[in-house]
Amino acid sequence: MAFGGLGWLTFLSPALAKVLSPYNLAPGILGEGVLTLWLLVFGVNAERWKEQASTQLH
């Protein structure tokens, strides 16, 4: 995700983004795609979430 963020930062300079395109898009798309897949596959551990929520209330 850090490399993806650096890729998106190149758009602050349109001239730099034009020179680096499409290579500046690849890290962002890859990083965000992997994160999305990770969240879809593993999601939230509901039992652990409820356990942490109950301990914070007391």
C-alpha atoms as a PDB file:
ATOM      1  CA  MET A   1       0.000   0.000   0.000  1.00  0.00           C
ATOM      2  CA  ALA A   2       2.932   2.354   0.627  1.00  0.00           C
ATOM      3  CA  PHE A   3       4.154   1.886  -2.946  1.00  0.00           C
ATOM      4  CA  GLY A   4       0.592   2.402  -4.135  1.00  0.00           C
ATOM      5  CA  GLY A   5       0.429   5.675  -2.226  1.00  0.00           C
ATOM      6  CA  LEU A   6       3.640   6.825  -3.847  1.00  0.00           C
ATOM      7  CA  GLY A   7       2.182   5.964  -7.227  1.00  0.00           C
ATOM      8  CA  TRP A   8      -0.902   8.075  -6.547  1.00  0.00           C
ATOM      9  CA  LEU A   9       1.280  10.956  -5.331  1.00  0.00           C
ATOM     10  CA  THR A  10       2.770  11.266  -8.816  1.00  0.00           C
ATOM     11  CA  PHE A  11      -0.557  12.781  -9.878  1.00  0.00           C
ATOM     12  CA  LEU A  12       0.308  15.918  -7.902  1.00  0.00           C
ATOM     13  CA  SER A  13       2.536  16.771 -10.858  1.00  0.00           C
ATOM     14  CA  PRO A  14       0.615  16.219 -14.116  1.00  0.00           C
ATOM     15  CA  ALA A  15       3.832  16.237 -16.151  1.00  0.00           C
ATOM     16  CA  LEU A  16       5.372  13.515 -13.970  1.00  0.00           C
ATOM     17  CA  ALA A  17       2.175  11.456 -14.044  1.00  0.00           C
ATOM     18  CA  LYS A  18       2.087  11.659 -17.837  1.00  0.00           C
ATOM     19  CA  VAL A  19       5.704  10.463 -18.119  1.00  0.00           C
ATOM     20  CA  LEU A  20       5.245   7.580 -15.674  1.00  0.00           C
ATOM     21  CA  SER A  21       1.829   6.444 -16.912  1.00  0.00           C
ATOM     22  CA  PRO A  22       0.768   3.545 -16.778  1.00  0.00           C
ATOM     23  CA  TYR A  23       3.573   2.430 -14.437  1.00  0.00           C
ATOM     24  CA  ASN A  24       2.440   4.769 -11.667  1.00  0.00           C
ATOM     25  CA  LEU A  25      -1.006   3.111 -11.640  1.00  0.00           C
ATOM     26  CA  ALA A  26       0.170  -0.483 -11.264  1.00  0.00           C
ATOM     27  CA  PRO A  27       1.312  -0.383  -7.590  1.00  0.00           C
ATOM     28  CA  GLY A  28      -1.900   1.317  -6.476  1.00  0.00           C
ATOM     29  CA  ILE A  29      -4.171  -1.024  -8.359  1.00  0.00           C
ATOM     30  CA  LEU A  30      -2.217  -4.055  -7.172  1.00  0.00           C
ATOM     31  CA  GLY A  31      -2.088  -2.943  -3.531  1.00  0.00           C
ATOM     32  CA  GLU A  32      -5.733  -1.953  -3.325  1.00  0.00           C
ATOM     33  CA  GLY A  33      -6.821  -5.087  -5.181  1.00  0.00           C
ATOM     34  CA  VAL A  34      -4.901  -7.335  -2.799  1.00  0.00           C
ATOM     35  CA  LEU A  35      -6.330  -5.497   0.219  1.00  0.00           C
ATOM     36  CA  THR A  36      -9.858  -5.847  -1.160  1.00  0.00           C
ATOM     37  CA  LEU A  37      -9.382  -9.565  -1.751  1.00  0.00           C
ATOM     38  CA  TRP A  38      -7.908 -10.014   1.724  1.00  0.00           C
ATOM     39  CA  LEU A  39     -10.898  -8.310   3.331  1.00  0.00           C
ATOM     40  CA  LEU A  40     -13.359 -10.308   1.235  1.00  0.00           C
ATOM     41  CA  VAL A  41     -11.723 -13.647   2.032  1.00  0.00           C
ATOM     42  CA  PHE A  42     -10.837 -13.193   5.701  1.00  0.00           C
ATOM     43  CA  GLY A  43     -13.200 -10.405   6.705  1.00  0.00           C
ATOM     44  CA  VAL A  44     -13.794  -9.814  10.377  1.00  0.00           C
ATOM     45  CA  ASN A  45     -13.457 -12.511  13.013  1.00  0.00           C
ATOM     46  CA  ALA A  46     -16.938 -12.031  14.539  1.00  0.00           C
ATOM     47  CA  GLU A  47     -16.166 -13.922  17.744  1.00  0.00           C
ATOM     48  CA  ARG A  48     -13.045 -11.892  18.453  1.00  0.00           C
ATOM     49  CA  TRP A  49     -14.881  -8.663  17.559  1.00  0.00           C
ATOM     50  CA  LYS A  50     -17.671  -9.440  20.067  1.00  0.00           C
ATOM     51  CA  GLU A  51     -15.122 -10.441  22.712  1.00  0.00           C
ATOM     52  CA  GLN A  52     -13.257  -7.151  22.373  1.00  0.00           C
ATOM     53  CA  ALA A  53     -16.500  -5.172  22.359  1.00  0.00           C
ATOM     54  CA  SER A  54     -17.710  -6.840  25.549  1.00  0.00           C
ATOM     55  CA  THR A  55     -14.425  -6.222  27.383  1.00  0.00           C
ATOM     56  CA  GLN A  56     -14.465  -2.532  26.470  1.00  0.00           C
ATOM     57  CA  LEU A  57     -17.949  -2.034  27.874  1.00  0.00           C
ATOM     58  CA  HIS A  58     -17.015  -3.324  31.336  1.00  0.00           C
END
